[in-house]
Amino acid sequence: MIRRHVLVSGLVQGVGYRYLARKHAERLAVTGWVRNLPDGSVEAEVQGSEAAVDEMLRRLEAGPPGSQVTGLVVTDLDPRDDEGFRITR
């Protein structure tokens, strides 16, 4: 089990980014959360098997149609008890 903190920059707000992230997370069976930040970026934490988290990171980098992801900053975190994947504020 691994956990990653992710900061996503680019045109990632107002394009359904968080909702698509939640959909991908449910399909990949990863847990965590995603939220918009005041500077226009998106922040997330993703936890699951290494393969599932790696795939989730690839999907976060691709983003939904209409988005333009210009960067991902990924940091390792210690795993913790977590259930589901949620959109937070």
PDB file of N, CA and C in Angstrom:
ATOM      1  N   MET A   1       0.852  -1.177   0.000  1.00  0.00           N
ATOM      2  CA  MET A   1       0.000   0.000   0.000  1.00  0.00           C
ATOM      3  C   MET A   1       0.896   1.237   0.000  1.00  0.00           C
ATOM      4  N   ILE A   2       0.631   2.152  -0.966  1.00  0.00           N
ATOM      5  CA  ILE A   2       1.379   3.402  -1.014  1.00  0.00           C
ATOM      6  C   ILE A   2       0.408   4.576  -1.051  1.00  0.00           C
ATOM      7  N   ARG A   3       0.894   5.750  -0.684  1.00  0.00           N
ATOM      8  CA  ARG A   3       0.088   6.974  -0.700  1.00  0.00           C
ATOM      9  C   ARG A   3       0.924   8.082  -1.316  1.00  0.00           C
ATOM     10  N   ARG A   4       0.299   8.869  -2.197  1.00  0.00           N
ATOM     11  CA  ARG A   4       0.981   9.969  -2.857  1.00  0.00           C
ATOM     12  C   ARG A   4       0.156  11.250  -2.732  1.00  0.00           C
ATOM     13  N   HIS A   5       0.856  12.358  -2.490  1.00  0.00           N
ATOM     14  CA  HIS A   5       0.261  13.689  -2.532  1.00  0.00           C
ATOM     15  C   HIS A   5       0.579  14.253  -3.913  1.00  0.00           C
ATOM     16  N   VAL A   6      -0.415  14.880  -4.547  1.00  0.00           N
ATOM     17  CA  VAL A   6      -0.255  15.355  -5.922  1.00  0.00           C
ATOM     18  C   VAL A   6      -0.747  16.796  -6.034  1.00  0.00           C
ATOM     19  N   LEU A   7       0.069  17.646  -6.641  1.00  0.00           N
ATOM     20  CA  LEU A   7      -0.346  18.995  -7.033  1.00  0.00           C
ATOM     21  C   LEU A   7      -0.363  19.035  -8.555  1.00  0.00           C
ATOM     22  N   VAL A   8      -1.507  19.412  -9.108  1.00  0.00           N
ATOM     23  CA  VAL A   8      -1.693  19.427 -10.555  1.00  0.00           C
ATOM     24  C   VAL A   8      -1.852  20.877 -10.991  1.00  0.00           C
ATOM     25  N   SER A   9      -1.005  21.314 -11.929  1.00  0.00           N
ATOM     26  CA  SER A   9      -1.092  22.686 -12.424  1.00  0.00           C
ATOM     27  C   SER A   9      -1.558  22.693 -13.872  1.00  0.00           C
ATOM     28  N   GLY A  10      -2.023  23.865 -14.288  1.00  0.00           N
ATOM     29  CA  GLY A  10      -2.513  24.043 -15.647  1.00  0.00           C
ATOM     30  C   GLY A  10      -3.959  24.488 -15.628  1.00  0.00           C
ATOM     31  N   LEU A  11      -4.647  24.275 -16.732  1.00  0.00           N
ATOM     32  CA  LEU A  11      -6.073  24.560 -16.812  1.00  0.00           C
ATOM     33  C   LEU A  11      -6.802  23.321 -16.308  1.00  0.00           C
ATOM     34  N   VAL A  12      -7.049  23.284 -14.994  1.00  0.00           N
ATOM     35  CA  VAL A  12      -7.601  22.079 -14.372  1.00  0.00           C
ATOM     36  C   VAL A  12      -8.834  22.368 -13.511  1.00  0.00           C
ATOM     37  N   GLN A  13      -9.302  23.600 -13.523  1.00  0.00           N
ATOM     38  CA  GLN A  13     -10.536  23.924 -12.813  1.00  0.00           C
ATOM     39  C   GLN A  13     -11.593  24.341 -13.825  1.00  0.00           C
ATOM     40  N   GLY A  14     -12.838  23.976 -13.548  1.00  0.00           N
ATOM     41  CA  GLY A  14     -13.936  24.322 -14.439  1.00  0.00           C
ATOM     42  C   GLY A  14     -14.056  23.412 -15.651  1.00  0.00           C
ATOM     43  N   VAL A  15     -13.377  22.263 -15.596  1.00  0.00           N
ATOM     44  CA  VAL A  15     -13.397  21.329 -16.726  1.00  0.00           C
ATOM     45  C   VAL A  15     -13.816  19.920 -16.302  1.00  0.00           C
ATOM     46  N   GLY A  16     -14.321  19.777 -15.073  1.00  0.00           N
ATOM     47  CA  GLY A  16     -14.746  18.465 -14.582  1.00  0.00           C
ATOM     48  C   GLY A  16     -13.610  17.600 -14.070  1.00  0.00           C
ATOM     49  N   TYR A  17     -12.478  18.221 -13.769  1.00  0.00           N
ATOM     50  CA  TYR A  17     -11.284  17.479 -13.368  1.00  0.00           C
ATOM     51  C   TYR A  17     -11.524  16.638 -12.112  1.00  0.00           C
ATOM     52  N   ARG A  18     -12.080  17.230 -11.072  1.00  0.00           N
ATOM     53  CA  ARG A  18     -12.273  16.509  -9.801  1.00  0.00           C
ATOM     54  C   ARG A  18     -13.251  15.347  -9.958  1.00  0.00           C
ATOM     55  N   TYR A  19     -14.288  15.554 -10.760  1.00  0.00           N
ATOM     56  CA  TYR A  19     -15.298  14.509 -10.929  1.00  0.00           C
ATOM     57  C   TYR A  19     -14.739  13.327 -11.721  1.00  0.00           C
ATOM     58  N   LEU A  20     -13.927  13.628 -12.727  1.00  0.00           N
ATOM     59  CA  LEU A  20     -13.294  12.554 -13.473  1.00  0.00           C
ATOM     60  C   LEU A  20     -12.267  11.830 -12.591  1.00  0.00           C
ATOM     61  N   ALA A  21     -11.565  12.582 -11.750  1.00  0.00           N
ATOM     62  CA  ALA A  21     -10.606  11.956 -10.824  1.00  0.00           C
ATOM     63  C   ALA A  21     -11.329  10.969  -9.905  1.00  0.00           C
ATOM     64  N   ARG A  22     -12.470  11.376  -9.387  1.00  0.00           N
ATOM     65  CA  ARG A  22     -13.235  10.479  -8.506  1.00  0.00           C
ATOM     66  C   ARG A  22     -13.691   9.232  -9.265  1.00  0.00           C
ATOM     67  N   LYS A  23     -14.122   9.408 -10.493  1.00  0.00           N
ATOM     68  CA  LYS A  23     -14.561   8.272 -11.314  1.00  0.00           C
ATOM     69  C   LYS A  23     -13.403   7.301 -11.551  1.00  0.00           C
ATOM     70  N   HIS A  24     -12.240   7.830 -11.909  1.00  0.00           N
ATOM     71  CA  HIS A  24     -11.061   6.979 -12.094  1.00  0.00           C
ATOM     72  C   HIS A  24     -10.690   6.267 -10.795  1.00  0.00           C
ATOM     73  N   ALA A  25     -10.738   6.993  -9.683  1.00  0.00           N
ATOM     74  CA  ALA A  25     -10.381   6.408  -8.392  1.00  0.00           C
ATOM     75  C   ALA A  25     -11.294   5.236  -8.053  1.00  0.00           C
ATOM     76  N   GLU A  26     -12.577   5.397  -8.297  1.00  0.00           N
ATOM     77  CA  GLU A  26     -13.522   4.315  -8.011  1.00  0.00           C
ATOM     78  C   GLU A  26     -13.230   3.100  -8.880  1.00  0.00           C
ATOM     79  N   ARG A  27     -12.922   3.317 -10.145  1.00  0.00           N
ATOM     80  CA  ARG A  27     -12.612   2.203 -11.055  1.00  0.00           C
ATOM     81  C   ARG A  27     -11.311   1.500 -10.680  1.00  0.00           C
ATOM     82  N   LEU A  28     -10.346   2.273 -10.190  1.00  0.00           N
ATOM     83  CA  LEU A  28      -9.041   1.708  -9.837  1.00  0.00           C
ATOM     84  C   LEU A  28      -8.970   1.220  -8.393  1.00  0.00           C
ATOM     85  N   ALA A  29     -10.040   1.447  -7.631  1.00  0.00           N
ATOM     86  CA  ALA A  29     -10.109   1.044  -6.217  1.00  0.00           C
ATOM     87  C   ALA A  29      -9.003   1.694  -5.385  1.00  0.00           C
ATOM     88  N   VAL A  30      -8.778   2.999  -5.631  1.00  0.00           N
ATOM     89  CA  VAL A  30      -7.865   3.750  -4.781  1.00  0.00           C
ATOM     90  C   VAL A  30      -8.685   4.649  -3.871  1.00  0.00           C
ATOM     91  N   THR A  31      -8.103   5.029  -2.759  1.00  0.00           N
ATOM     92  CA  THR A  31      -8.769   5.904  -1.806  1.00  0.00           C
ATOM     93  C   THR A  31      -8.060   7.249  -1.779  1.00  0.00           C
ATOM     94  N   GLY A  32      -8.694   8.215  -1.111  1.00  0.00           N
ATOM     95  CA  GLY A  32      -8.085   9.527  -0.954  1.00  0.00           C
ATOM     96  C   GLY A  32      -9.073  10.644  -1.196  1.00  0.00           C
ATOM     97  N   TRP A  33      -8.570  11.751  -1.734  1.00  0.00           N
ATOM     98  CA  TRP A  33      -9.405  12.917  -1.954  1.00  0.00           C
ATOM     99  C   TRP A  33      -8.802  13.801  -3.036  1.00  0.00           C
ATOM    100  N   VAL A  34      -9.632  14.749  -3.524  1.00  0.00           N
ATOM    101  CA  VAL A  34      -9.194  15.732  -4.509  1.00  0.00           C
ATOM    102  C   VAL A  34      -9.913  17.040  -4.218  1.00  0.00           C
ATOM    103  N   ARG A  35      -9.226  18.184  -4.448  1.00  0.00           N
ATOM    104  CA  ARG A  35      -9.860  19.486  -4.229  1.00  0.00           C
ATOM    105  C   ARG A  35      -9.200  20.555  -5.095  1.00  0.00           C
ATOM    106  N   ASN A  36      -9.972  21.617  -5.356  1.00  0.00           N
ATOM    107  CA  ASN A  36      -9.450  22.793  -6.033  1.00  0.00           C
ATOM    108  C   ASN A  36      -8.707  23.651  -5.026  1.00  0.00           C
ATOM    109  N   LEU A  37      -7.671  24.324  -5.474  1.00  0.00           N
ATOM    110  CA  LEU A  37      -6.947  25.280  -4.650  1.00  0.00           C
ATOM    111  C   LEU A  37      -7.194  26.698  -5.184  1.00  0.00           C
ATOM    112  N   PRO A  38      -7.080  27.698  -4.314  1.00  0.00           N
ATOM    113  CA  PRO A  38      -7.364  29.076  -4.729  1.00  0.00           C
ATOM    114  C   PRO A  38      -6.500  29.580  -5.894  1.00  0.00           C
ATOM    115  N   ASP A  39      -5.319  29.017  -6.086  1.00  0.00           N
ATOM    116  CA  ASP A  39      -4.429  29.481  -7.155  1.00  0.00           C
ATOM    117  C   ASP A  39      -4.765  28.882  -8.527  1.00  0.00           C
ATOM    118  N   GLY A  40      -5.845  28.088  -8.611  1.00  0.00           N
ATOM    119  CA  GLY A  40      -6.261  27.496  -9.877  1.00  0.00           C
ATOM    120  C   GLY A  40      -5.745  26.087 -10.105  1.00  0.00           C
ATOM    121  N   SER A  41      -4.935  25.586  -9.187  1.00  0.00           N
ATOM    122  CA  SER A  41      -4.429  24.217  -9.303  1.00  0.00           C
ATOM    123  C   SER A  41      -5.366  23.252  -8.583  1.00  0.00           C
ATOM    124  N   VAL A  42      -5.057  21.974  -8.686  1.00  0.00           N
ATOM    125  CA  VAL A  42      -5.824  20.917  -8.011  1.00  0.00           C
ATOM    126  C   VAL A  42      -4.852  20.130  -7.141  1.00  0.00           C
ATOM    127  N   GLU A  43      -5.310  19.754  -5.969  1.00  0.00           N
ATOM    128  CA  GLU A  43      -4.519  18.971  -5.022  1.00  0.00           C
ATOM    129  C   GLU A  43      -5.237  17.659  -4.762  1.00  0.00           C
ATOM    130  N   ALA A  44      -4.476  16.581  -4.610  1.00  0.00           N
ATOM    131  CA  ALA A  44      -5.077  15.277  -4.336  1.00  0.00           C
ATOM    132  C   ALA A  44      -4.134  14.435  -3.491  1.00  0.00           C
ATOM    133  N   GLU A  45      -4.715  13.468  -2.809  1.00  0.00           N
ATOM    134  CA  GLU A  45      -3.973  12.379  -2.186  1.00  0.00           C
ATOM    135  C   GLU A  45      -4.594  11.090  -2.685  1.00  0.00           C
ATOM    136  N   VAL A  46      -3.734  10.156  -3.055  1.00  0.00           N
ATOM    137  CA  VAL A  46      -4.184   8.899  -3.642  1.00  0.00           C
ATOM    138  C   VAL A  46      -3.470   7.749  -2.938  1.00  0.00           C
ATOM    139  N   GLN A  47      -4.227   6.737  -2.528  1.00  0.00           N
ATOM    140  CA  GLN A  47      -3.659   5.584  -1.825  1.00  0.00           C
ATOM    141  C   GLN A  47      -4.207   4.294  -2.409  1.00  0.00           C
ATOM    142  N   GLY A  48      -3.331   3.309  -2.542  1.00  0.00           N
ATOM    143  CA  GLY A  48      -3.734   1.999  -3.029  1.00  0.00           C
ATOM    144  C   GLY A  48      -2.505   1.180  -3.364  1.00  0.00           C
ATOM    145  N   SER A  49      -2.701   0.152  -4.174  1.00  0.00           N
ATOM    146  CA  SER A  49      -1.559  -0.653  -4.607  1.00  0.00           C
ATOM    147  C   SER A  49      -0.666   0.222  -5.484  1.00  0.00           C
ATOM    148  N   GLU A  50       0.593  -0.150  -5.595  1.00  0.00           N
ATOM    149  CA  GLU A  50       1.514   0.645  -6.408  1.00  0.00           C
ATOM    150  C   GLU A  50       1.032   0.756  -7.853  1.00  0.00           C
ATOM    151  N   ALA A  51       0.552  -0.350  -8.410  1.00  0.00           N
ATOM    152  CA  ALA A  51       0.073  -0.340  -9.792  1.00  0.00           C
ATOM    153  C   ALA A  51      -1.136   0.587  -9.959  1.00  0.00           C
ATOM    154  N   ALA A  52      -2.078   0.530  -9.022  1.00  0.00           N
ATOM    155  CA  ALA A  52      -3.280   1.353  -9.109  1.00  0.00           C
ATOM    156  C   ALA A  52      -2.948   2.831  -8.937  1.00  0.00           C
ATOM    157  N   VAL A  53      -2.061   3.161  -8.009  1.00  0.00           N
ATOM    158  CA  VAL A  53      -1.679   4.559  -7.800  1.00  0.00           C
ATOM    159  C   VAL A  53      -0.923   5.082  -9.017  1.00  0.00           C
ATOM    160  N   ASP A  54      -0.026   4.291  -9.566  1.00  0.00           N
ATOM    161  CA  ASP A  54       0.700   4.709 -10.770  1.00  0.00           C
ATOM    162  C   ASP A  54      -0.261   4.989 -11.919  1.00  0.00           C
ATOM    163  N   GLU A  55      -1.259   4.130 -12.102  1.00  0.00           N
ATOM    164  CA  GLU A  55      -2.250   4.348 -13.153  1.00  0.00           C
ATOM    165  C   GLU A  55      -3.077   5.602 -12.866  1.00  0.00           C
ATOM    166  N   MET A  56      -3.438   5.819 -11.613  1.00  0.00           N
ATOM    167  CA  MET A  56      -4.189   7.017 -11.248  1.00  0.00           C
ATOM    168  C   MET A  56      -3.368   8.264 -11.563  1.00  0.00           C
ATOM    169  N   LEU A  57      -2.084   8.240 -11.283  1.00  0.00           N
ATOM    170  CA  LEU A  57      -1.229   9.390 -11.587  1.00  0.00           C
ATOM    171  C   LEU A  57      -1.181   9.652 -13.094  1.00  0.00           C
ATOM    172  N   ARG A  58      -1.132   8.602 -13.894  1.00  0.00           N
ATOM    173  CA  ARG A  58      -1.161   8.771 -15.351  1.00  0.00           C
ATOM    174  C   ARG A  58      -2.474   9.427 -15.794  1.00  0.00           C
ATOM    175  N   ARG A  59      -3.563   9.015 -15.186  1.00  0.00           N
ATOM    176  CA  ARG A  59      -4.863   9.578 -15.552  1.00  0.00           C
ATOM    177  C   ARG A  59      -5.002  11.022 -15.071  1.00  0.00           C
ATOM    178  N   LEU A  60      -4.435  11.325 -13.893  1.00  0.00           N
ATOM    179  CA  LEU A  60      -4.447  12.710 -13.420  1.00  0.00           C
ATOM    180  C   LEU A  60      -3.626  13.598 -14.353  1.00  0.00           C
ATOM    181  N   GLU A  61      -2.542  13.065 -14.861  1.00  0.00           N
ATOM    182  CA  GLU A  61      -1.705  13.845 -15.775  1.00  0.00           C
ATOM    183  C   GLU A  61      -2.407  14.080 -17.111  1.00  0.00           C
ATOM    184  N   ALA A  62      -3.186  13.121 -17.563  1.00  0.00           N
ATOM    185  CA  ALA A  62      -3.926  13.270 -18.820  1.00  0.00           C
ATOM    186  C   ALA A  62      -5.079  14.260 -18.662  1.00  0.00           C
ATOM    187  N   GLY A  63      -5.785  14.206 -17.527  1.00  0.00           N
ATOM    188  CA  GLY A  63      -6.914  15.092 -17.283  1.00  0.00           C
ATOM    189  C   GLY A  63      -8.085  14.814 -18.203  1.00  0.00           C
ATOM    190  N   PRO A  64      -9.203  15.500 -17.965  1.00  0.00           N
ATOM    191  CA  PRO A  64     -10.387  15.326 -18.814  1.00  0.00           C
ATOM    192  C   PRO A  64     -10.265  16.155 -20.093  1.00  0.00           C
ATOM    193  N   PRO A  65     -11.135  15.885 -21.081  1.00  0.00           N
ATOM    194  CA  PRO A  65     -11.165  16.745 -22.269  1.00  0.00           C
ATOM    195  C   PRO A  65     -11.401  18.196 -21.835  1.00  0.00           C
ATOM    196  N   GLY A  66     -10.706  19.114 -22.454  1.00  0.00           N
ATOM    197  CA  GLY A  66     -10.849  20.526 -22.100  1.00  0.00           C
ATOM    198  C   GLY A  66      -9.825  21.011 -21.092  1.00  0.00           C
ATOM    199  N   SER A  67      -9.165  20.083 -20.419  1.00  0.00           N
ATOM    200  CA  SER A  67      -8.117  20.478 -19.472  1.00  0.00           C
ATOM    201  C   SER A  67      -6.782  20.577 -20.199  1.00  0.00           C
ATOM    202  N   GLN A  68      -5.849  21.253 -19.568  1.00  0.00           N
ATOM    203  CA  GLN A  68      -4.480  21.339 -20.079  1.00  0.00           C
ATOM    204  C   GLN A  68      -3.551  21.219 -18.879  1.00  0.00           C
ATOM    205  N   VAL A  69      -3.167  20.012 -18.551  1.00  0.00           N
ATOM    206  CA  VAL A  69      -2.271  19.780 -17.420  1.00  0.00           C
ATOM    207  C   VAL A  69      -0.855  20.157 -17.844  1.00  0.00           C
ATOM    208  N   THR A  70      -0.243  21.058 -17.083  1.00  0.00           N
ATOM    209  CA  THR A  70       1.123  21.486 -17.399  1.00  0.00           C
ATOM    210  C   THR A  70       2.151  20.913 -16.439  1.00  0.00           C
ATOM    211  N   GLY A  71       1.691  20.333 -15.332  1.00  0.00           N
ATOM    212  CA  GLY A  71       2.653  19.748 -14.408  1.00  0.00           C
ATOM    213  C   GLY A  71       1.995  18.977 -13.293  1.00  0.00           C
ATOM    214  N   LEU A  72       2.727  17.984 -12.793  1.00  0.00           N
ATOM    215  CA  LEU A  72       2.332  17.190 -11.634  1.00  0.00           C
ATOM    216  C   LEU A  72       3.528  17.173 -10.690  1.00  0.00           C
ATOM    217  N   VAL A  73       3.299  17.536  -9.441  1.00  0.00           N
ATOM    218  CA  VAL A  73       4.321  17.412  -8.410  1.00  0.00           C
ATOM    219  C   VAL A  73       3.827  16.334  -7.457  1.00  0.00           C
ATOM    220  N   VAL A  74       4.582  15.241  -7.369  1.00  0.00           N
ATOM    221  CA  VAL A  74       4.163  14.076  -6.602  1.00  0.00           C
ATOM    222  C   VAL A  74       5.115  13.875  -5.427  1.00  0.00           C
ATOM    223  N   THR A  75       4.542  13.693  -4.248  1.00  0.00           N
ATOM    224  CA  THR A  75       5.309  13.487  -3.025  1.00  0.00           C
ATOM    225  C   THR A  75       4.831  12.208  -2.344  1.00  0.00           C
ATOM    226  N   ASP A  76       5.762  11.414  -1.840  1.00  0.00           N
ATOM    227  CA  ASP A  76       5.404  10.207  -1.094  1.00  0.00           C
ATOM    228  C   ASP A  76       4.884  10.580   0.289  1.00  0.00           C
ATOM    229  N   LEU A  77       3.866   9.856   0.737  1.00  0.00           N
ATOM    230  CA  LEU A  77       3.316   9.992   2.082  1.00  0.00           C
ATOM    231  C   LEU A  77       3.231   8.611   2.716  1.00  0.00           C
ATOM    232  N   ASP A  78       3.111   8.578   4.025  1.00  0.00           N
ATOM    233  CA  ASP A  78       2.868   7.323   4.721  1.00  0.00           C
ATOM    234  C   ASP A  78       1.412   6.925   4.532  1.00  0.00           C
ATOM    235  N   PRO A  79       1.147   5.652   4.234  1.00  0.00           N
ATOM    236  CA  PRO A  79      -0.245   5.193   4.130  1.00  0.00           C
ATOM    237  C   PRO A  79      -0.975   5.398   5.452  1.00  0.00           C
ATOM    238  N   ARG A  80      -2.295   5.526   5.364  1.00  0.00           N
ATOM    239  CA  ARG A  80      -3.120   5.667   6.564  1.00  0.00           C
ATOM    240  C   ARG A  80      -4.469   5.036   6.305  1.00  0.00           C
ATOM    241  N   ASP A  81      -5.251   4.880   7.367  1.00  0.00           N
ATOM    242  CA  ASP A  81      -6.600   4.350   7.214  1.00  0.00           C
ATOM    243  C   ASP A  81      -7.419   5.339   6.399  1.00  0.00           C
ATOM    244  N   ASP A  82      -8.045   4.853   5.371  1.00  0.00           N
ATOM    245  CA  ASP A  82      -8.807   5.705   4.476  1.00  0.00           C
ATOM    246  C   ASP A  82      -9.903   4.870   3.834  1.00  0.00           C
ATOM    247  N   GLU A  83     -11.043   5.487   3.581  1.00  0.00           N
ATOM    248  CA  GLU A  83     -12.138   4.804   2.903  1.00  0.00           C
ATOM    249  C   GLU A  83     -12.657   5.677   1.781  1.00  0.00           C
ATOM    250  N   GLY A  84     -12.831   5.098   0.626  1.00  0.00           N
ATOM    251  CA  GLY A  84     -13.415   5.812  -0.498  1.00  0.00           C
ATOM    252  C   GLY A  84     -12.533   6.915  -1.044  1.00  0.00           C
ATOM    253  N   PHE A  85     -13.040   7.594  -2.034  1.00  0.00           N
ATOM    254  CA  PHE A  85     -12.352   8.722  -2.652  1.00  0.00           C
ATOM    255  C   PHE A  85     -13.362   9.851  -2.722  1.00  0.00           C
ATOM    256  N   ARG A  86     -13.020  10.993  -2.185  1.00  0.00           N
ATOM    257  CA  ARG A  86     -13.999  12.075  -2.077  1.00  0.00           C
ATOM    258  C   ARG A  86     -13.465  13.382  -2.664  1.00  0.00           C
ATOM    259  N   ILE A  87     -14.408  14.203  -3.059  1.00  0.00           N
ATOM    260  CA  ILE A  87     -14.110  15.568  -3.462  1.00  0.00           C
ATOM    261  C   ILE A  87     -14.281  16.433  -2.224  1.00  0.00           C
ATOM    262  N   THR A  88     -13.243  17.186  -1.876  1.00  0.00           N
ATOM    263  CA  THR A  88     -13.308  18.031  -0.676  1.00  0.00           C
ATOM    264  C   THR A  88     -13.216  19.496  -1.086  1.00  0.00           C
ATOM    265  N   ARG A  89     -13.390  20.355  -0.115  1.00  0.00           N
ATOM    266  CA  ARG A  89     -13.284  21.801  -0.364  1.00  0.00           C
ATOM    267  C   ARG A  89     -12.073  22.355   0.332  1.00  0.00           C
TER     268      ARG A  89
END
